Amino acid sequence: MMMPCEVIVRYYLPAMRYRIADELMNKYGWTQVKVSDRLRITQAAVSKYMGGKLDEKTKKFSEMGEVKNAAKKIAKEIAEEKWKSDSIAELCLVCGTLRKEGKLCKMHLSMKRLKECNCNICLSR
């Protein structure tokens, strides 16, 4: 069984990294190497993201307005050297919003073994 937090780690965080990397490269002209250094991920991961090699669930997260907006804000802070703990809090805030609005639940319940489980843990907290 995959827990909701695992969905975040496997799909939401890579989607956010993809959006931040895309913003840094396309808006601020950064190289893959510079992006990988600042995000503390491999250059190969940046290359994968920029090549559009995202699995279906990561792609769905990356297309959510909340993810796009937060990534733009965070990328700007990184590019302007204003990255701080509030930026990390933004990641957590979006995660909480996705949970409360049921978007995380929808993604979580789309997994084969959970369909019959009738889980609603995210919405009840």
PDB file of N, CA and C in Angstrom:
ATOM      1  N   MET A   1       0.843  -1.177   0.000  1.00  0.00           N
ATOM      2  CA  MET A   1       0.000   0.000   0.000  1.00  0.00           C
ATOM      3  C   MET A   1       0.892   1.245   0.000  1.00  0.00           C
ATOM      4  N   MET A   2       0.535   2.208  -0.786  1.00  0.00           N
ATOM      5  CA  MET A   2       1.272   3.465  -0.832  1.00  0.00           C
ATOM      6  C   MET A   2       0.538   4.498   0.017  1.00  0.00           C
ATOM      7  N   MET A   3       1.264   5.096   0.925  1.00  0.00           N
ATOM      8  CA  MET A   3       0.695   6.112   1.806  1.00  0.00           C
ATOM      9  C   MET A   3       0.614   7.455   1.066  1.00  0.00           C
ATOM     10  N   PRO A   4      -0.269   8.364   1.496  1.00  0.00           N
ATOM     11  CA  PRO A   4      -0.375   9.669   0.837  1.00  0.00           C
ATOM     12  C   PRO A   4       0.962  10.420   0.776  1.00  0.00           C
ATOM     13  N   CYS A   5       1.754  10.323   1.819  1.00  0.00           N
ATOM     14  CA  CYS A   5       3.047  11.021   1.818  1.00  0.00           C
ATOM     15  C   CYS A   5       3.989  10.466   0.751  1.00  0.00           C
ATOM     16  N   GLU A   6       3.851   9.180   0.443  1.00  0.00           N
ATOM     17  CA  GLU A   6       4.664   8.599  -0.624  1.00  0.00           C
ATOM     18  C   GLU A   6       4.272   9.177  -1.982  1.00  0.00           C
ATOM     19  N   VAL A   7       2.999   9.466  -2.155  1.00  0.00           N
ATOM     20  CA  VAL A   7       2.536  10.101  -3.396  1.00  0.00           C
ATOM     21  C   VAL A   7       3.217  11.460  -3.540  1.00  0.00           C
ATOM     22  N   ILE A   8       3.324  12.177  -2.439  1.00  0.00           N
ATOM     23  CA  ILE A   8       3.988  13.482  -2.446  1.00  0.00           C
ATOM     24  C   ILE A   8       5.445  13.331  -2.864  1.00  0.00           C
ATOM     25  N   VAL A   9       6.136  12.386  -2.252  1.00  0.00           N
ATOM     26  CA  VAL A   9       7.561  12.195  -2.529  1.00  0.00           C
ATOM     27  C   VAL A   9       7.796  11.718  -3.956  1.00  0.00           C
ATOM     28  N   ARG A  10       6.977  10.796  -4.425  1.00  0.00           N
ATOM     29  CA  ARG A  10       7.187  10.218  -5.758  1.00  0.00           C
ATOM     30  C   ARG A  10       6.711  11.096  -6.908  1.00  0.00           C
ATOM     31  N   TYR A  11       5.659  11.884  -6.676  1.00  0.00           N
ATOM     32  CA  TYR A  11       5.048  12.601  -7.794  1.00  0.00           C
ATOM     33  C   TYR A  11       4.982  14.120  -7.626  1.00  0.00           C
ATOM     34  N   TYR A  12       4.575  14.604  -6.463  1.00  0.00           N
ATOM     35  CA  TYR A  12       4.449  16.054  -6.259  1.00  0.00           C
ATOM     36  C   TYR A  12       5.808  16.744  -6.254  1.00  0.00           C
ATOM     37  N   LEU A  13       6.750  16.245  -5.454  1.00  0.00           N
ATOM     38  CA  LEU A  13       8.052  16.915  -5.373  1.00  0.00           C
ATOM     39  C   LEU A  13       8.788  16.912  -6.715  1.00  0.00           C
ATOM     40  N   PRO A  14       8.803  15.794  -7.465  1.00  0.00           N
ATOM     41  CA  PRO A  14       9.413  15.859  -8.799  1.00  0.00           C
ATOM     42  C   PRO A  14       8.697  16.845  -9.730  1.00  0.00           C
ATOM     43  N   ALA A  15       7.378  16.941  -9.613  1.00  0.00           N
ATOM     44  CA  ALA A  15       6.629  17.908 -10.433  1.00  0.00           C
ATOM     45  C   ALA A  15       7.044  19.326 -10.087  1.00  0.00           C
ATOM     46  N   MET A  16       7.204  19.593  -8.810  1.00  0.00           N
ATOM     47  CA  MET A  16       7.629  20.924  -8.371  1.00  0.00           C
ATOM     48  C   MET A  16       9.054  21.209  -8.845  1.00  0.00           C
ATOM     49  N   ARG A  17       9.943  20.228  -8.719  1.00  0.00           N
ATOM     50  CA  ARG A  17      11.323  20.413  -9.201  1.00  0.00           C
ATOM     51  C   ARG A  17      11.335  20.688 -10.703  1.00  0.00           C
ATOM     52  N   TYR A  18      10.512  19.939 -11.436  1.00  0.00           N
ATOM     53  CA  TYR A  18      10.415  20.146 -12.878  1.00  0.00           C
ATOM     54  C   TYR A  18       9.991  21.580 -13.185  1.00  0.00           C
ATOM     55  N   ARG A  19       8.942  22.046 -12.539  1.00  0.00           N
ATOM     56  CA  ARG A  19       8.443  23.401 -12.796  1.00  0.00           C
ATOM     57  C   ARG A  19       9.460  24.473 -12.403  1.00  0.00           C
ATOM     58  N   ILE A  20      10.144  24.272 -11.288  1.00  0.00           N
ATOM     59  CA  ILE A  20      11.163  25.240 -10.856  1.00  0.00           C
ATOM     60  C   ILE A  20      12.321  25.237 -11.845  1.00  0.00           C
ATOM     61  N   ALA A  21      12.785  24.051 -12.234  1.00  0.00           N
ATOM     62  CA  ALA A  21      13.889  23.945 -13.195  1.00  0.00           C
ATOM     63  C   ALA A  21      13.512  24.594 -14.522  1.00  0.00           C
ATOM     64  N   ASP A  22      12.310  24.329 -14.983  1.00  0.00           N
ATOM     65  CA  ASP A  22      11.834  24.904 -16.241  1.00  0.00           C
ATOM     66  C   ASP A  22      11.828  26.431 -16.177  1.00  0.00           C
ATOM     67  N   GLU A  23      11.342  26.950 -15.081  1.00  0.00           N
ATOM     68  CA  GLU A  23      11.284  28.406 -14.894  1.00  0.00           C
ATOM     69  C   GLU A  23      12.695  29.005 -14.855  1.00  0.00           C
ATOM     70  N   LEU A  24      13.591  28.377 -14.106  1.00  0.00           N
ATOM     71  CA  LEU A  24      14.961  28.900 -13.996  1.00  0.00           C
ATOM     72  C   LEU A  24      15.678  28.876 -15.341  1.00  0.00           C
ATOM     73  N   MET A  25      15.453  27.843 -16.115  1.00  0.00           N
ATOM     74  CA  MET A  25      16.134  27.742 -17.408  1.00  0.00           C
ATOM     75  C   MET A  25      15.501  28.650 -18.461  1.00  0.00           C
ATOM     76  N   ASN A  26      14.188  28.629 -18.554  1.00  0.00           N
ATOM     77  CA  ASN A  26      13.527  29.366 -19.633  1.00  0.00           C
ATOM     78  C   ASN A  26      13.306  30.844 -19.348  1.00  0.00           C
ATOM     79  N   LYS A  27      13.100  31.207 -18.105  1.00  0.00           N
ATOM     80  CA  LYS A  27      12.883  32.617 -17.784  1.00  0.00           C
ATOM     81  C   LYS A  27      14.177  33.324 -17.392  1.00  0.00           C
ATOM     82  N   TYR A  28      15.029  32.603 -16.661  1.00  0.00           N
ATOM     83  CA  TYR A  28      16.239  33.236 -16.128  1.00  0.00           C
ATOM     84  C   TYR A  28      17.511  32.820 -16.865  1.00  0.00           C
ATOM     85  N   GLY A  29      17.396  31.931 -17.843  1.00  0.00           N
ATOM     86  CA  GLY A  29      18.526  31.553 -18.680  1.00  0.00           C
ATOM     87  C   GLY A  29      19.588  30.688 -18.010  1.00  0.00           C
ATOM     88  N   TRP A  30      19.212  30.002 -16.967  1.00  0.00           N
ATOM     89  CA  TRP A  30      20.178  29.161 -16.263  1.00  0.00           C
ATOM     90  C   TRP A  30      20.474  27.900 -17.068  1.00  0.00           C
ATOM     91  N   THR A  31      21.657  27.342 -16.834  1.00  0.00           N
ATOM     92  CA  THR A  31      22.034  26.072 -17.453  1.00  0.00           C
ATOM     93  C   THR A  31      21.530  24.917 -16.583  1.00  0.00           C
ATOM     94  N   GLN A  32      21.521  23.737 -17.166  1.00  0.00           N
ATOM     95  CA  GLN A  32      21.132  22.547 -16.404  1.00  0.00           C
ATOM     96  C   GLN A  32      22.062  22.331 -15.213  1.00  0.00           C
ATOM     97  N   VAL A  33      23.337  22.585 -15.411  1.00  0.00           N
ATOM     98  CA  VAL A  33      24.315  22.394 -14.332  1.00  0.00           C
ATOM     99  C   VAL A  33      24.033  23.351 -13.174  1.00  0.00           C
ATOM    100  N   LYS A  34      23.760  24.611 -13.492  1.00  0.00           N
ATOM    101  CA  LYS A  34      23.474  25.589 -12.442  1.00  0.00           C
ATOM    102  C   LYS A  34      22.177  25.231 -11.708  1.00  0.00           C
ATOM    103  N   VAL A  35      21.165  24.825 -12.458  1.00  0.00           N
ATOM    104  CA  VAL A  35      19.898  24.424 -11.843  1.00  0.00           C
ATOM    105  C   VAL A  35      20.113  23.222 -10.928  1.00  0.00           C
ATOM    106  N   SER A  36      20.841  22.233 -11.411  1.00  0.00           N
ATOM    107  CA  SER A  36      21.065  21.031 -10.601  1.00  0.00           C
ATOM    108  C   SER A  36      21.829  21.359  -9.329  1.00  0.00           C
ATOM    109  N   ASP A  37      22.780  22.278  -9.433  1.00  0.00           N
ATOM    110  CA  ASP A  37      23.551  22.681  -8.257  1.00  0.00           C
ATOM    111  C   ASP A  37      22.656  23.370  -7.227  1.00  0.00           C
ATOM    112  N   ARG A  38      21.831  24.302  -7.671  1.00  0.00           N
ATOM    113  CA  ARG A  38      20.977  25.059  -6.748  1.00  0.00           C
ATOM    114  C   ARG A  38      19.854  24.215  -6.154  1.00  0.00           C
ATOM    115  N   LEU A  39      19.309  23.299  -6.950  1.00  0.00           N
ATOM    116  CA  LEU A  39      18.219  22.463  -6.451  1.00  0.00           C
ATOM    117  C   LEU A  39      18.729  21.207  -5.744  1.00  0.00           C
ATOM    118  N   ARG A  40      20.037  21.010  -5.800  1.00  0.00           N
ATOM    119  CA  ARG A  40      20.667  19.835  -5.174  1.00  0.00           C
ATOM    120  C   ARG A  40      20.099  18.528  -5.735  1.00  0.00           C
ATOM    121  N   ILE A  41      19.972  18.510  -7.066  1.00  0.00           N
ATOM    122  CA  ILE A  41      19.587  17.293  -7.774  1.00  0.00           C
ATOM    123  C   ILE A  41      20.615  17.074  -8.871  1.00  0.00           C
ATOM    124  N   THR A  42      20.616  15.911  -9.473  1.00  0.00           N
ATOM    125  CA  THR A  42      21.608  15.633 -10.507  1.00  0.00           C
ATOM    126  C   THR A  42      21.270  16.378 -11.797  1.00  0.00           C
ATOM    127  N   GLN A  43      22.299  16.601 -12.588  1.00  0.00           N
ATOM    128  CA  GLN A  43      22.098  17.218 -13.893  1.00  0.00           C
ATOM    129  C   GLN A  43      21.258  16.287 -14.761  1.00  0.00           C
ATOM    130  N   ALA A  44      21.415  14.978 -14.561  1.00  0.00           N
ATOM    131  CA  ALA A  44      20.618  14.002 -15.310  1.00  0.00           C
ATOM    132  C   ALA A  44      19.127  14.152 -14.991  1.00  0.00           C
ATOM    133  N   ALA A  45      18.810  14.449 -13.738  1.00  0.00           N
ATOM    134  CA  ALA A  45      17.403  14.665 -13.358  1.00  0.00           C
ATOM    135  C   ALA A  45      16.856  15.903 -14.059  1.00  0.00           C
ATOM    136  N   VAL A  46      17.646  16.966 -14.097  1.00  0.00           N
ATOM    137  CA  VAL A  46      17.213  18.192 -14.785  1.00  0.00           C
ATOM    138  C   VAL A  46      16.997  17.893 -16.266  1.00  0.00           C
ATOM    139  N   SER A  47      17.921  17.152 -16.861  1.00  0.00           N
ATOM    140  CA  SER A  47      17.811  16.786 -18.271  1.00  0.00           C
ATOM    141  C   SER A  47      16.535  15.976 -18.524  1.00  0.00           C
ATOM    142  N   LYS A  48      16.250  15.051 -17.625  1.00  0.00           N
ATOM    143  CA  LYS A  48      15.028  14.235 -17.732  1.00  0.00           C
ATOM    144  C   LYS A  48      13.788  15.126 -17.671  1.00  0.00           C
ATOM    145  N   TYR A  49      13.762  16.038 -16.701  1.00  0.00           N
ATOM    146  CA  TYR A  49      12.619  16.940 -16.568  1.00  0.00           C
ATOM    147  C   TYR A  49      12.455  17.791 -17.826  1.00  0.00           C
ATOM    148  N   MET A  50      13.561  18.356 -18.300  1.00  0.00           N
ATOM    149  CA  MET A  50      13.487  19.271 -19.435  1.00  0.00           C
ATOM    150  C   MET A  50      13.166  18.539 -20.737  1.00  0.00           C
ATOM    151  N   GLY A  51      13.459  17.248 -20.767  1.00  0.00           N
ATOM    152  CA  GLY A  51      13.122  16.443 -21.937  1.00  0.00           C
ATOM    153  C   GLY A  51      11.674  15.973 -21.920  1.00  0.00           C
ATOM    154  N   GLY A  52      10.942  16.380 -20.887  1.00  0.00           N
ATOM    155  CA  GLY A  52       9.535  16.015 -20.786  1.00  0.00           C
ATOM    156  C   GLY A  52       9.305  14.571 -20.388  1.00  0.00           C
ATOM    157  N   LYS A  53      10.316  13.943 -19.817  1.00  0.00           N
ATOM    158  CA  LYS A  53      10.198  12.529 -19.441  1.00  0.00           C
ATOM    159  C   LYS A  53       9.624  12.400 -18.033  1.00  0.00           C
ATOM    160  N   LEU A  54       8.364  12.729 -17.920  1.00  0.00           N
ATOM    161  CA  LEU A  54       7.664  12.649 -16.642  1.00  0.00           C
ATOM    162  C   LEU A  54       6.631  11.536 -16.720  1.00  0.00           C
ATOM    163  N   ASP A  55       6.494  10.791 -15.622  1.00  0.00           N
ATOM    164  CA  ASP A  55       5.442   9.777 -15.611  1.00  0.00           C
ATOM    165  C   ASP A  55       4.084  10.484 -15.531  1.00  0.00           C
ATOM    166  N   GLU A  56       3.044   9.732 -15.747  1.00  0.00           N
ATOM    167  CA  GLU A  56       1.694  10.310 -15.854  1.00  0.00           C
ATOM    168  C   GLU A  56       1.274  11.092 -14.607  1.00  0.00           C
ATOM    169  N   LYS A  57       1.523  10.552 -13.436  1.00  0.00           N
ATOM    170  CA  LYS A  57       1.086  11.215 -12.205  1.00  0.00           C
ATOM    171  C   LYS A  57       1.894  12.484 -11.925  1.00  0.00           C
ATOM    172  N   THR A  58       3.198  12.431 -12.183  1.00  0.00           N
ATOM    173  CA  THR A  58       4.031  13.624 -12.009  1.00  0.00           C
ATOM    174  C   THR A  58       3.566  14.712 -12.969  1.00  0.00           C
ATOM    175  N   LYS A  59       3.262  14.316 -14.192  1.00  0.00           N
ATOM    176  CA  LYS A  59       2.774  15.282 -15.184  1.00  0.00           C
ATOM    177  C   LYS A  59       1.465  15.928 -14.719  1.00  0.00           C
ATOM    178  N   LYS A  60       0.560  15.129 -14.140  1.00  0.00           N
ATOM    179  CA  LYS A  60      -0.711  15.679 -13.651  1.00  0.00           C
ATOM    180  C   LYS A  60      -0.472  16.709 -12.549  1.00  0.00           C
ATOM    181  N   PHE A  61       0.421  16.381 -11.616  1.00  0.00           N
ATOM    182  CA  PHE A  61       0.747  17.345 -10.565  1.00  0.00           C
ATOM    183  C   PHE A  61       1.342  18.610 -11.180  1.00  0.00           C
ATOM    184  N   SER A  62       2.242  18.449 -12.159  1.00  0.00           N
ATOM    185  CA  SER A  62       2.933  19.608 -12.735  1.00  0.00           C
ATOM    186  C   SER A  62       1.990  20.549 -13.473  1.00  0.00           C
ATOM    187  N   GLU A  63       0.836  20.049 -13.870  1.00  0.00           N
ATOM    188  CA  GLU A  63      -0.128  20.869 -14.601  1.00  0.00           C
ATOM    189  C   GLU A  63      -1.118  21.595 -13.686  1.00  0.00           C
ATOM    190  N   MET A  64      -1.064  21.309 -12.394  1.00  0.00           N
ATOM    191  CA  MET A  64      -1.974  21.962 -11.448  1.00  0.00           C
ATOM    192  C   MET A  64      -1.565  23.416 -11.242  1.00  0.00           C
ATOM    193  N   GLY A  65      -2.540  24.295 -11.234  1.00  0.00           N
ATOM    194  CA  GLY A  65      -2.276  25.722 -11.071  1.00  0.00           C
ATOM    195  C   GLY A  65      -1.499  26.052  -9.813  1.00  0.00           C
ATOM    196  N   GLU A  66      -1.818  25.369  -8.718  1.00  0.00           N
ATOM    197  CA  GLU A  66      -1.125  25.626  -7.453  1.00  0.00           C
ATOM    198  C   GLU A  66       0.365  25.334  -7.571  1.00  0.00           C
ATOM    199  N   VAL A  67       0.690  24.255  -8.272  1.00  0.00           N
ATOM    200  CA  VAL A  67       2.092  23.868  -8.454  1.00  0.00           C
ATOM    201  C   VAL A  67       2.797  24.878  -9.351  1.00  0.00           C
ATOM    202  N   LYS A  68       2.170  25.247 -10.452  1.00  0.00           N
ATOM    203  CA  LYS A  68       2.770  26.221 -11.369  1.00  0.00           C
ATOM    204  C   LYS A  68       3.041  27.552 -10.670  1.00  0.00           C
ATOM    205  N   ASN A  69       2.051  28.047  -9.945  1.00  0.00           N
ATOM    206  CA  ASN A  69       2.203  29.347  -9.278  1.00  0.00           C
ATOM    207  C   ASN A  69       3.280  29.324  -8.206  1.00  0.00           C
ATOM    208  N   ALA A  70       3.294  28.284  -7.394  1.00  0.00           N
ATOM    209  CA  ALA A  70       4.310  28.184  -6.341  1.00  0.00           C
ATOM    210  C   ALA A  70       5.697  28.043  -6.948  1.00  0.00           C
ATOM    211  N   ALA A  71       5.818  27.263  -8.015  1.00  0.00           N
ATOM    212  CA  ALA A  71       7.120  27.068  -8.660  1.00  0.00           C
ATOM    213  C   ALA A  71       7.657  28.382  -9.222  1.00  0.00           C
ATOM    214  N   LYS A  72       6.794  29.185  -9.812  1.00  0.00           N
ATOM    215  CA  LYS A  72       7.224  30.490 -10.333  1.00  0.00           C
ATOM    216  C   LYS A  72       7.749  31.373  -9.210  1.00  0.00           C
ATOM    217  N   LYS A  73       7.026  31.399  -8.115  1.00  0.00           N
ATOM    218  CA  LYS A  73       7.426  32.210  -6.968  1.00  0.00           C
ATOM    219  C   LYS A  73       8.765  31.732  -6.399  1.00  0.00           C
ATOM    220  N   ILE A  74       8.891  30.436  -6.226  1.00  0.00           N
ATOM    221  CA  ILE A  74      10.122  29.872  -5.664  1.00  0.00           C
ATOM    222  C   ILE A  74      11.292  30.070  -6.618  1.00  0.00           C
ATOM    223  N   ALA A  75      11.079  29.859  -7.912  1.00  0.00           N
ATOM    224  CA  ALA A  75      12.151  30.053  -8.895  1.00  0.00           C
ATOM    225  C   ALA A  75      12.642  31.496  -8.877  1.00  0.00           C
ATOM    226  N   LYS A  76      11.720  32.435  -8.755  1.00  0.00           N
ATOM    227  CA  LYS A  76      12.104  33.851  -8.691  1.00  0.00           C
ATOM    228  C   LYS A  76      12.972  34.107  -7.464  1.00  0.00           C
ATOM    229  N   GLU A  77      12.572  33.546  -6.330  1.00  0.00           N
ATOM    230  CA  GLU A  77      13.352  33.722  -5.102  1.00  0.00           C
ATOM    231  C   GLU A  77      14.745  33.106  -5.236  1.00  0.00           C
ATOM    232  N   ILE A  78      14.818  31.946  -5.872  1.00  0.00           N
ATOM    233  CA  ILE A  78      16.121  31.303  -6.082  1.00  0.00           C
ATOM    234  C   ILE A  78      16.971  32.156  -7.014  1.00  0.00           C
ATOM    235  N   ALA A  79      16.392  32.601  -8.128  1.00  0.00           N
ATOM    236  CA  ALA A  79      17.130  33.388  -9.118  1.00  0.00           C
ATOM    237  C   ALA A  79      17.621  34.711  -8.542  1.00  0.00           C
ATOM    238  N   GLU A  80      16.831  35.300  -7.659  1.00  0.00           N
ATOM    239  CA  GLU A  80      17.201  36.587  -7.058  1.00  0.00           C
ATOM    240  C   GLU A  80      17.985  36.422  -5.756  1.00  0.00           C
ATOM    241  N   GLU A  81      18.396  35.173  -5.484  1.00  0.00           N
ATOM    242  CA  GLU A  81      19.173  34.868  -4.265  1.00  0.00           C
ATOM    243  C   GLU A  81      18.412  35.250  -3.000  1.00  0.00           C
ATOM    244  N   LYS A  82      17.103  35.101  -3.029  1.00  0.00           N
ATOM    245  CA  LYS A  82      16.273  35.419  -1.866  1.00  0.00           C
ATOM    246  C   LYS A  82      15.625  34.162  -1.285  1.00  0.00           C
ATOM    247  N   TRP A  83      16.180  33.016  -1.607  1.00  0.00           N
ATOM    248  CA  TRP A  83      15.682  31.731  -1.122  1.00  0.00           C
ATOM    249  C   TRP A  83      15.801  31.681   0.390  1.00  0.00           C
ATOM    250  N   LYS A  84      14.719  31.338   1.053  1.00  0.00           N
ATOM    251  CA  LYS A  84      14.724  31.282   2.519  1.00  0.00           C
ATOM    252  C   LYS A  84      13.722  30.238   2.997  1.00  0.00           C
ATOM    253  N   SER A  85      13.555  30.138   4.289  1.00  0.00           N
ATOM    254  CA  SER A  85      12.663  29.110   4.837  1.00  0.00           C
ATOM    255  C   SER A  85      11.219  29.303   4.386  1.00  0.00           C
ATOM    256  N   ASP A  86      10.824  30.527   4.071  1.00  0.00           N
ATOM    257  CA  ASP A  86       9.468  30.761   3.568  1.00  0.00           C
ATOM    258  C   ASP A  86       9.229  30.027   2.249  1.00  0.00           C
ATOM    259  N   SER A  87      10.297  29.860   1.475  1.00  0.00           N
ATOM    260  CA  SER A  87      10.177  29.149   0.207  1.00  0.00           C
ATOM    261  C   SER A  87       9.867  27.682   0.450  1.00  0.00           C
ATOM    262  N   ILE A  88      10.500  27.115   1.462  1.00  0.00           N
ATOM    263  CA  ILE A  88      10.220  25.726   1.823  1.00  0.00           C
ATOM    264  C   ILE A  88       8.791  25.629   2.347  1.00  0.00           C
ATOM    265  N   ALA A  89       8.400  26.600   3.135  1.00  0.00           N
ATOM    266  CA  ALA A  89       7.032  26.621   3.664  1.00  0.00           C
ATOM    267  C   ALA A  89       6.014  26.661   2.530  1.00  0.00           C
ATOM    268  N   GLU A  90       6.355  27.340   1.442  1.00  0.00           N
ATOM    269  CA  GLU A  90       5.465  27.414   0.276  1.00  0.00           C
ATOM    270  C   GLU A  90       5.212  26.015  -0.291  1.00  0.00           C
ATOM    271  N   LEU A  91       6.265  25.198  -0.354  1.00  0.00           N
ATOM    272  CA  LEU A  91       6.113  23.820  -0.829  1.00  0.00           C
ATOM    273  C   LEU A  91       5.135  23.054   0.059  1.00  0.00           C
ATOM    274  N   CYS A  92       5.284  23.227   1.361  1.00  0.00           N
ATOM    275  CA  CYS A  92       4.413  22.542   2.323  1.00  0.00           C
ATOM    276  C   CYS A  92       2.986  23.070   2.249  1.00  0.00           C
ATOM    277  N   LEU A  93       2.837  24.361   2.042  1.00  0.00           N
ATOM    278  CA  LEU A  93       1.514  24.968   1.937  1.00  0.00           C
ATOM    279  C   LEU A  93       0.752  24.407   0.736  1.00  0.00           C
ATOM    280  N   VAL A  94       1.429  24.312  -0.395  1.00  0.00           N
ATOM    281  CA  VAL A  94       0.784  23.763  -1.592  1.00  0.00           C
ATOM    282  C   VAL A  94       0.394  22.310  -1.353  1.00  0.00           C
ATOM    283  N   CYS A  95       1.282  21.555  -0.738  1.00  0.00           N
ATOM    284  CA  CYS A  95       0.994  20.156  -0.417  1.00  0.00           C
ATOM    285  C   CYS A  95      -0.267  20.066   0.444  1.00  0.00           C
ATOM    286  N   GLY A  96      -0.351  20.893   1.475  1.00  0.00           N
ATOM    287  CA  GLY A  96      -1.528  20.907   2.346  1.00  0.00           C
ATOM    288  C   GLY A  96      -2.792  21.301   1.608  1.00  0.00           C
ATOM    289  N   THR A  97      -2.672  22.271   0.717  1.00  0.00           N
ATOM    290  CA  THR A  97      -3.819  22.709  -0.084  1.00  0.00           C
ATOM    291  C   THR A  97      -4.314  21.575  -0.977  1.00  0.00           C
ATOM    292  N   LEU A  98      -3.382  20.886  -1.628  1.00  0.00           N
ATOM    293  CA  LEU A  98      -3.760  19.766  -2.494  1.00  0.00           C
ATOM    294  C   LEU A  98      -4.451  18.671  -1.686  1.00  0.00           C
ATOM    295  N   ARG A  99      -3.989  18.476  -0.466  1.00  0.00           N
ATOM    296  CA  ARG A  99      -4.597  17.471   0.410  1.00  0.00           C
ATOM    297  C   ARG A  99      -6.012  17.900   0.806  1.00  0.00           C
ATOM    298  N   LYS A 100      -6.147  19.128   1.279  1.00  0.00           N
ATOM    299  CA  LYS A 100      -7.446  19.615   1.765  1.00  0.00           C
ATOM    300  C   LYS A 100      -8.492  19.718   0.662  1.00  0.00           C
ATOM    301  N   GLU A 101      -8.057  20.042  -0.546  1.00  0.00           N
ATOM    302  CA  GLU A 101      -8.990  20.164  -1.672  1.00  0.00           C
ATOM    303  C   GLU A 101      -9.328  18.822  -2.312  1.00  0.00           C
ATOM    304  N   GLY A 102      -8.692  17.756  -1.826  1.00  0.00           N
ATOM    305  CA  GLY A 102      -8.975  16.426  -2.350  1.00  0.00           C
ATOM    306  C   GLY A 102      -8.191  16.044  -3.584  1.00  0.00           C
ATOM    307  N   LYS A 103      -7.329  16.927  -4.070  1.00  0.00           N
ATOM    308  CA  LYS A 103      -6.559  16.614  -5.275  1.00  0.00           C
ATOM    309  C   LYS A 103      -5.534  15.516  -5.011  1.00  0.00           C
ATOM    310  N   LEU A 104      -4.927  15.539  -3.840  1.00  0.00           N
ATOM    311  CA  LEU A 104      -3.997  14.471  -3.469  1.00  0.00           C
ATOM    312  C   LEU A 104      -4.762  13.157  -3.331  1.00  0.00           C
ATOM    313  N   CYS A 105      -5.938  13.210  -2.703  1.00  0.00           N
ATOM    314  CA  CYS A 105      -6.760  12.008  -2.537  1.00  0.00           C
ATOM    315  C   CYS A 105      -7.119  11.402  -3.894  1.00  0.00           C
ATOM    316  N   LYS A 106      -7.492  12.250  -4.821  1.00  0.00           N
ATOM    317  CA  LYS A 106      -7.862  11.764  -6.150  1.00  0.00           C
ATOM    318  C   LYS A 106      -6.695  11.017  -6.784  1.00  0.00           C
ATOM    319  N   MET A 107      -5.501  11.577  -6.669  1.00  0.00           N
ATOM    320  CA  MET A 107      -4.310  10.937  -7.215  1.00  0.00           C
ATOM    321  C   MET A 107      -4.019   9.640  -6.461  1.00  0.00           C
ATOM    322  N   HIS A 108      -4.119   9.697  -5.149  1.00  0.00           N
ATOM    323  CA  HIS A 108      -3.837   8.542  -4.301  1.00  0.00           C
ATOM    324  C   HIS A 108      -4.814   7.401  -4.599  1.00  0.00           C
ATOM    325  N   LEU A 109      -6.082   7.722  -4.700  1.00  0.00           N
ATOM    326  CA  LEU A 109      -7.096   6.695  -4.938  1.00  0.00           C
ATOM    327  C   LEU A 109      -7.068   6.139  -6.358  1.00  0.00           C
ATOM    328  N   SER A 110      -6.349   6.805  -7.259  1.00  0.00           N
ATOM    329  CA  SER A 110      -6.246   6.293  -8.627  1.00  0.00           C
ATOM    330  C   SER A 110      -5.327   5.077  -8.698  1.00  0.00           C
ATOM    331  N   MET A 111      -4.644   4.790  -7.611  1.00  0.00           N
ATOM    332  CA  MET A 111      -3.745   3.642  -7.581  1.00  0.00           C
ATOM    333  C   MET A 111      -4.558   2.374  -7.363  1.00  0.00           C
ATOM    334  N   LYS A 112      -4.251   1.364  -8.122  1.00  0.00           N
ATOM    335  CA  LYS A 112      -5.053   0.143  -8.211  1.00  0.00           C
ATOM    336  C   LYS A 112      -5.508  -0.429  -6.874  1.00  0.00           C
ATOM    337  N   ARG A 113      -4.623  -0.603  -5.962  1.00  0.00           N
ATOM    338  CA  ARG A 113      -4.955  -1.303  -4.720  1.00  0.00           C
ATOM    339  C   ARG A 113      -5.778  -0.461  -3.749  1.00  0.00           C
ATOM    340  N   LEU A 114      -5.898   0.813  -3.996  1.00  0.00           N
ATOM    341  CA  LEU A 114      -6.621   1.672  -3.060  1.00  0.00           C
ATOM    342  C   LEU A 114      -8.062   1.955  -3.467  1.00  0.00           C
ATOM    343  N   LYS A 115      -8.421   1.609  -4.676  1.00  0.00           N
ATOM    344  CA  LYS A 115      -9.761   1.939  -5.172  1.00  0.00           C
ATOM    345  C   LYS A 115     -10.866   1.398  -4.271  1.00  0.00           C
ATOM    346  N   GLU A 116     -10.690   0.181  -3.790  1.00  0.00           N
ATOM    347  CA  GLU A 116     -11.731  -0.419  -2.959  1.00  0.00           C
ATOM    348  C   GLU A 116     -11.581  -0.095  -1.474  1.00  0.00           C
ATOM    349  N   CYS A 117     -10.572   0.653  -1.113  1.00  0.00           N
ATOM    350  CA  CYS A 117     -10.241   0.951   0.281  1.00  0.00           C
ATOM    351  C   CYS A 117     -11.162   2.000   0.908  1.00  0.00           C
ATOM    352  N   ASN A 118     -11.718   2.906   0.092  1.00  0.00           N
ATOM    353  CA  ASN A 118     -12.587   3.988   0.567  1.00  0.00           C
ATOM    354  C   ASN A 118     -11.867   4.918   1.551  1.00  0.00           C
ATOM    355  N   CYS A 119     -10.621   5.191   1.273  1.00  0.00           N
ATOM    356  CA  CYS A 119      -9.777   6.037   2.129  1.00  0.00           C
ATOM    357  C   CYS A 119     -10.223   7.501   2.035  1.00  0.00           C
ATOM    358  N   ASN A 120     -10.227   8.197   3.173  1.00  0.00           N
ATOM    359  CA  ASN A 120     -10.508   9.634   3.186  1.00  0.00           C
ATOM    360  C   ASN A 120      -9.648  10.338   4.236  1.00  0.00           C
ATOM    361  N   ILE A 121      -8.526   9.760   4.565  1.00  0.00           N
ATOM    362  CA  ILE A 121      -7.672  10.266   5.642  1.00  0.00           C
ATOM    363  C   ILE A 121      -7.243  11.715   5.407  1.00  0.00           C
ATOM    364  N   CYS A 122      -6.928  12.065   4.175  1.00  0.00           N
ATOM    365  CA  CYS A 122      -6.462  13.429   3.891  1.00  0.00           C
ATOM    366  C   CYS A 122      -7.553  14.466   4.143  1.00  0.00           C
ATOM    367  N   LEU A 123      -8.763  14.122   3.811  1.00  0.00           N
ATOM    368  CA  LEU A 123      -9.869  15.064   3.955  1.00  0.00           C
ATOM    369  C   LEU A 123     -10.350  15.194   5.393  1.00  0.00           C
ATOM    370  N   SER A 124     -10.014  14.215   6.219  1.00  0.00           N
ATOM    371  CA  SER A 124     -10.498  14.231   7.599  1.00  0.00           C
ATOM    372  C   SER A 124      -9.531  14.899   8.564  1.00  0.00           C
ATOM    373  N   ARG A 125      -8.419  15.402   8.076  1.00  0.00           N
ATOM    374  CA  ARG A 125      -7.418  16.023   8.963  1.00  0.00           C
ATOM    375  C   ARG A 125      -7.303  17.491   8.716  1.00  0.00           C
TER     376      ARG A 125
END
